[in-house]
Amino acid sequence: MDLSKLTYTKGASGRVPNDAVQSTPDNGVSRQDNLDVSKIPSAYQKPEGVLSSNLVFVLSGGEKKEKDFLRELIKQRRLHSLRVVFMSEKGQGLQPYQMNAKWLEIHKNGAFVIEGQTFHLDAMDEVFLLSDVDEFYDQLVQIMKETSAECQGRWIISNPCFEIWLYYCYLSDPEHDLEQLIPLTVSERSQRLKSLGNILVPGGLNPCIAFERMNVGIENSAKHYCEDENAIPTLFATRMYEMARYLIDTLNRYANEYDEFVKYKEEWRALKRRLT
């Protein structure tokens, strides 16, 4: 199955209810803020009753930061031209071999269930599998060797972990900012990177804000991307820029939806600062 050519079927199986996947509250500015809505600039107009024209399945090793990053596309409160269906393992995440086993089962069955809702692969425009290298290097190498290309899916791997992508959405000098990670063992690097967030960026590596900074993340991470002889990203490298490019390009095909969303959020926060 060539997943890159799958199209969205606008039939019964293509409709996704708003409550199909849960997400976390907005750590930035949410619509529950006590602001005078009449004063919000009209740079972004929320279309009502629009059915998503693109459906993306994300199978993730991590279940918190990755989900927070994709929150706007999971809930579709303001973005309507692309919808993410997110799967992980609540409370513990998934190791690569567990992800691969789950994906092979889904690929074989052609469908999967999340919170009682059935989704079909023939309704998917793209499928992404998000994994950290962390201490799972050997697992990832084995998976890449053993899995046939037609059902391998698009693996989006980050080294050492997803937080390196969040870092690139804010900064772009890992050899200096993150040099203390280099001598650490692979099992120590992820925890140290997570602890550095609040030191490097005021407010930390907020995944919700990082979603609005994907263009920055793409530029920064692409410059630092490198693979080893086994096609695994080296330290401080992430393939997330590939997924981010797809998300932005797809959203912007519909009335520049992503660019307008970013502009709206910037104006919203500026107004909040003036009113508080």
Protein backbone atom coordinates (compact mmCIF):
# COMPACT_ATOMS: atom_id res chain seq x y z
CA MET A 1 0.00 0.00 0.00
CA ASP A 2 1.39 3.36 -1.04
CA LEU A 3 0.28 5.48 1.90
CA SER A 4 1.36 8.70 0.21
CA LYS A 5 -1.42 8.25 -2.37
CA LEU A 6 -4.28 7.48 0.00
CA THR A 7 -7.16 9.93 -0.26
CA TYR A 8 -9.83 11.12 2.12
CA THR A 9 -13.17 9.47 1.49
CA LYS A 10 -15.92 11.96 2.29
CA GLY A 11 -18.37 9.23 3.16
CA ALA A 12 -19.49 7.83 6.47
CA SER A 13 -16.06 6.49 7.36
CA GLY A 14 -14.47 9.87 6.66
CA ARG A 15 -16.42 11.83 9.26
CA VAL A 16 -14.58 12.29 12.52
CA PRO A 17 -16.52 13.38 15.63
CA ASN A 18 -15.09 16.25 17.65
CA ASP A 19 -14.72 14.04 20.71
CA ALA A 20 -12.88 11.17 19.01
CA VAL A 21 -9.60 12.05 20.72
CA GLN A 22 -9.01 13.90 23.97
CA SER A 23 -6.45 16.70 24.23
CA THR A 24 -4.95 18.82 26.95
CA PRO A 25 -5.86 22.44 27.74
CA ASP A 26 -4.10 25.25 25.90
CA ASN A 27 -1.01 26.36 27.81
CA GLY A 28 -1.04 29.57 25.81
CA VAL A 29 -4.25 31.58 25.43
CA SER A 30 -7.51 29.68 25.23
CA ARG A 31 -11.00 30.75 24.28
CA GLN A 32 -11.95 30.57 27.96
CA ASP A 33 -9.85 33.65 28.74
CA ASN A 34 -11.95 36.49 30.14
CA LEU A 35 -11.36 38.89 27.29
CA ASP A 36 -13.74 41.13 25.38
CA VAL A 37 -14.13 39.09 22.20
CA SER A 38 -15.47 42.09 20.32
CA LYS A 39 -12.00 43.62 20.58
CA ILE A 40 -10.24 40.66 18.94
CA PRO A 41 -8.85 41.59 15.51
CA SER A 42 -10.58 39.84 12.61
CA ALA A 43 -7.36 38.55 11.03
CA TYR A 44 -8.64 35.02 11.48
CA GLN A 45 -12.26 34.04 10.87
CA LYS A 46 -13.28 30.62 12.13
CA PRO A 47 -15.27 28.80 9.44
CA GLU A 48 -18.35 27.10 10.85
CA GLY A 49 -19.48 23.61 9.94
CA VAL A 50 -16.50 22.82 7.72
CA LEU A 51 -15.69 19.13 7.30
CA SER A 52 -11.98 18.33 7.32
CA SER A 53 -10.68 17.56 3.85
CA ASN A 54 -7.48 15.87 5.07
CA LEU A 55 -7.21 13.17 7.71
CA VAL A 56 -3.84 12.20 9.25
CA PHE A 57 -3.09 9.26 11.55
CA VAL A 58 -0.27 9.75 14.08
CA LEU A 59 0.98 6.74 16.03
CA SER A 60 3.29 8.09 18.71
CA GLY A 61 5.78 6.61 21.13
CA GLY A 62 5.23 9.57 23.47
CA GLU A 63 1.74 10.40 24.68
CA LYS A 64 2.06 13.86 26.29
CA LYS A 65 4.28 16.44 24.55
CA GLU A 66 3.55 15.04 21.09
CA LYS A 67 -0.18 15.19 21.71
CA ASP A 68 0.05 18.71 23.13
CA PHE A 69 1.98 19.81 20.04
CA LEU A 70 -0.78 18.48 17.76
CA ARG A 71 -3.64 19.64 20.00
CA GLU A 72 -5.03 22.20 17.53
CA LEU A 73 -5.30 19.53 14.84
CA ILE A 74 -6.78 16.95 17.18
CA LYS A 75 -9.55 19.18 18.51
CA GLN A 76 -10.07 21.30 15.37
CA ARG A 77 -11.34 24.31 17.25
CA ARG A 78 -9.95 26.78 14.72
CA LEU A 79 -8.15 24.69 12.11
CA HIS A 80 -10.56 22.78 9.89
CA SER A 81 -8.78 21.71 6.72
CA LEU A 82 -6.67 19.02 8.40
CA ARG A 83 -7.52 16.64 11.23
CA VAL A 84 -5.10 14.48 13.27
CA VAL A 85 -6.20 11.18 14.80
CA PHE A 86 -3.68 10.46 17.56
CA MET A 87 -2.80 7.08 19.10
CA SER A 88 -0.36 6.23 21.90
CA GLU A 89 -0.41 4.30 25.16
CA LYS A 90 -1.80 6.37 28.00
CA GLY A 91 0.52 6.74 30.96
CA GLN A 92 3.51 4.94 29.50
CA GLY A 93 3.87 5.60 25.79
CA LEU A 94 5.18 2.99 23.37
CA GLN A 95 8.62 1.62 22.57
CA PRO A 96 9.46 1.35 18.85
CA TYR A 97 8.91 -2.42 18.68
CA GLN A 98 5.49 -1.95 20.29
CA MET A 99 4.67 0.83 17.82
CA ASN A 100 5.75 -1.34 14.92
CA ALA A 101 3.68 -4.31 16.07
CA LYS A 102 0.63 -2.08 16.51
CA TRP A 103 1.17 -0.47 13.11
CA LEU A 104 1.59 -3.83 11.32
CA GLU A 105 -1.68 -5.00 12.87
CA ILE A 106 -3.45 -1.81 11.78
CA HIS A 107 -1.96 -2.08 8.30
CA LYS A 108 -3.14 -5.70 8.00
CA ASN A 109 -6.66 -4.93 9.23
CA GLY A 110 -6.99 -1.66 7.33
CA ALA A 111 -8.69 -0.02 10.31
CA PHE A 112 -8.26 0.91 13.98
CA VAL A 113 -10.45 2.00 16.87
CA ILE A 114 -9.94 4.97 19.21
CA GLU A 115 -12.43 5.55 22.04
CA GLY A 116 -15.12 3.53 20.28
CA GLN A 117 -14.71 5.27 16.91
CA THR A 118 -13.50 3.22 13.94
CA PHE A 119 -11.11 4.83 11.45
CA HIS A 120 -10.18 3.30 8.09
CA LEU A 121 -6.79 3.59 6.42
CA ASP A 122 -8.43 4.33 3.07
CA ALA A 123 -9.68 7.57 4.63
CA MET A 124 -6.16 8.65 5.57
CA ASP A 125 -4.11 11.12 3.56
CA GLU A 126 -0.97 10.44 5.59
CA VAL A 127 0.32 8.18 8.37
CA PHE A 128 3.19 9.23 10.65
CA LEU A 129 4.96 7.15 13.32
CA LEU A 130 6.71 9.35 15.91
CA SER A 131 9.57 7.79 17.88
CA ASP A 132 12.52 8.88 20.02
CA VAL A 133 15.93 7.32 19.52
CA ASP A 134 16.62 7.51 23.27
CA GLU A 135 17.81 4.02 24.30
CA PHE A 136 15.86 2.38 21.46
CA TYR A 137 18.50 2.63 18.74
CA ASP A 138 18.83 -1.13 18.20
CA GLN A 139 15.05 -1.54 18.02
CA LEU A 140 14.77 1.14 15.34
CA VAL A 141 17.60 -0.33 13.25
CA GLN A 142 15.97 -3.77 13.38
CA ILE A 143 12.58 -2.37 12.43
CA MET A 144 14.00 -0.53 9.42
CA LYS A 145 15.74 -3.70 8.24
CA GLU A 146 12.87 -6.13 8.71
CA THR A 147 9.79 -4.13 7.73
CA SER A 148 8.87 -4.08 4.06
CA ALA A 149 8.77 -0.66 2.43
CA GLU A 150 5.09 -0.90 1.51
CA CYS A 151 3.92 -1.10 5.11
CA GLN A 152 6.73 0.72 6.89
CA GLY A 153 4.80 3.98 7.25
CA ARG A 154 6.57 7.34 7.61
CA TRP A 155 8.80 7.06 10.66
CA ILE A 156 9.56 10.47 12.18
CA ILE A 157 12.51 9.88 14.52
CA SER A 158 14.07 12.38 16.93
CA ASN A 159 17.44 12.06 18.68
CA PRO A 160 17.49 11.93 21.60
CA CYS A 161 13.77 12.68 21.96
CA PHE A 162 10.84 14.80 20.75
CA GLU A 163 12.06 17.75 22.83
CA ILE A 164 14.86 18.36 20.31
CA TRP A 165 12.16 19.34 17.81
CA LEU A 166 10.62 21.69 20.37
CA TYR A 167 14.08 23.15 20.96
CA TYR A 168 14.45 23.95 17.25
CA CYS A 169 11.11 25.75 17.27
CA TYR A 170 12.78 28.30 19.57
CA LEU A 171 16.58 28.06 19.16
CA SER A 172 19.23 26.86 16.72
CA ASP A 173 22.62 26.31 18.40
CA PRO A 174 22.50 22.82 19.92
CA GLU A 175 26.29 22.34 19.94
CA HIS A 176 26.49 25.27 22.40
CA ASP A 177 23.13 25.17 24.18
CA LEU A 178 23.06 21.39 24.61
CA GLU A 179 26.74 20.51 24.76
CA GLN A 180 26.33 19.03 28.24
CA LEU A 181 24.24 16.22 26.69
CA ILE A 182 27.13 14.93 24.56
CA PRO A 183 29.11 13.04 27.27
CA LEU A 184 25.97 11.58 28.86
CA THR A 185 24.70 8.06 28.29
CA VAL A 186 21.77 7.71 25.91
CA SER A 187 19.46 6.95 28.82
CA GLU A 188 20.42 10.24 30.52
CA ARG A 189 20.21 12.60 27.54
CA SER A 190 16.42 12.80 27.23
CA GLN A 191 15.89 13.67 30.88
CA ARG A 192 18.61 16.31 30.80
CA LEU A 193 17.18 17.89 27.65
CA LYS A 194 13.73 18.07 29.23
CA SER A 195 15.17 19.74 32.33
CA LEU A 196 17.01 22.35 30.24
CA GLY A 197 13.81 23.69 28.68
CA ASN A 198 13.03 26.29 31.34
CA ILE A 199 16.66 27.43 31.40
CA LEU A 200 16.95 27.93 27.65
CA VAL A 201 13.53 29.46 26.94
CA PRO A 202 11.34 31.57 29.27
CA GLY A 203 8.32 29.43 30.01
CA GLY A 204 10.07 26.30 28.77
CA LEU A 205 9.75 24.36 25.52
CA ASN A 206 5.98 24.77 25.35
CA PRO A 207 4.67 22.34 22.70
CA CYS A 208 1.46 24.33 22.19
CA ILE A 209 3.41 27.50 21.34
CA ALA A 210 5.87 25.44 19.29
CA PHE A 211 3.01 24.49 16.96
CA GLU A 212 2.75 28.15 16.02
CA ARG A 213 6.51 28.25 15.40
CA MET A 214 6.76 25.34 12.97
CA ASN A 215 8.34 27.46 10.24
CA VAL A 216 11.16 28.33 12.64
CA GLY A 217 11.47 24.67 13.65
CA ILE A 218 11.65 23.53 10.03
CA GLU A 219 14.41 25.97 9.16
CA ASN A 220 16.47 25.25 12.27
CA SER A 221 16.13 21.45 12.36
CA ALA A 222 16.69 20.97 8.62
CA LYS A 223 20.04 22.78 8.94
CA HIS A 224 21.14 20.35 11.66
CA TYR A 225 19.76 17.14 10.15
CA CYS A 226 22.15 14.25 9.71
CA GLU A 227 21.80 10.45 9.63
CA ASP A 228 24.22 7.65 10.46
CA GLU A 229 24.99 4.60 8.34
CA ASN A 230 21.74 2.96 9.48
CA ALA A 231 19.59 5.95 8.42
CA ILE A 232 18.93 6.86 12.06
CA PRO A 233 19.15 10.59 12.99
CA THR A 234 22.35 11.48 14.80
CA LEU A 235 22.37 13.37 18.11
CA PHE A 236 20.46 16.68 17.87
CA ALA A 237 18.77 15.61 14.61
CA THR A 238 15.04 15.09 14.02
CA ARG A 239 12.85 14.26 11.05
CA MET A 240 10.02 16.31 12.48
CA TYR A 241 10.68 19.01 9.88
CA GLU A 242 9.30 16.60 7.24
CA MET A 243 6.03 16.18 9.11
CA ALA A 244 5.82 19.90 9.91
CA ARG A 245 6.23 20.78 6.22
CA TYR A 246 3.36 18.47 5.35
CA LEU A 247 1.13 20.00 8.04
CA ILE A 248 1.81 23.60 6.99
CA ASP A 249 1.52 22.92 3.26
CA THR A 250 -1.77 21.07 3.72
CA LEU A 251 -3.27 23.72 6.00
CA ASN A 252 -2.19 26.58 3.77
CA ARG A 253 -3.82 25.06 0.70
CA TYR A 254 -7.10 26.13 2.31
CA ALA A 255 -7.09 29.94 2.46
CA ASN A 256 -3.64 30.06 4.10
CA GLU A 257 -5.24 28.55 7.18
CA TYR A 258 -2.02 27.96 9.12
CA ASP A 259 -0.55 31.41 8.44
CA GLU A 260 -3.84 33.06 9.40
CA PHE A 261 -4.04 30.97 12.56
CA VAL A 262 -0.54 32.06 13.63
CA LYS A 263 -1.43 35.70 12.94
CA TYR A 264 -4.64 35.35 14.96
CA LYS A 265 -2.80 33.85 17.97
CA GLU A 266 -0.16 36.58 17.90
CA GLU A 267 -2.82 39.31 17.90
CA TRP A 268 -4.80 37.53 20.62
CA ARG A 269 -1.80 37.38 22.94
CA ALA A 270 -0.90 41.00 22.20
CA LEU A 271 -4.42 42.03 23.17
CA LYS A 272 -4.28 39.95 26.34
CA ARG A 273 -1.05 41.65 27.37
CA ARG A 274 -2.65 45.07 26.87
CA LEU A 275 -5.71 44.14 28.92
CA THR A 276 -3.87 42.56 31.87
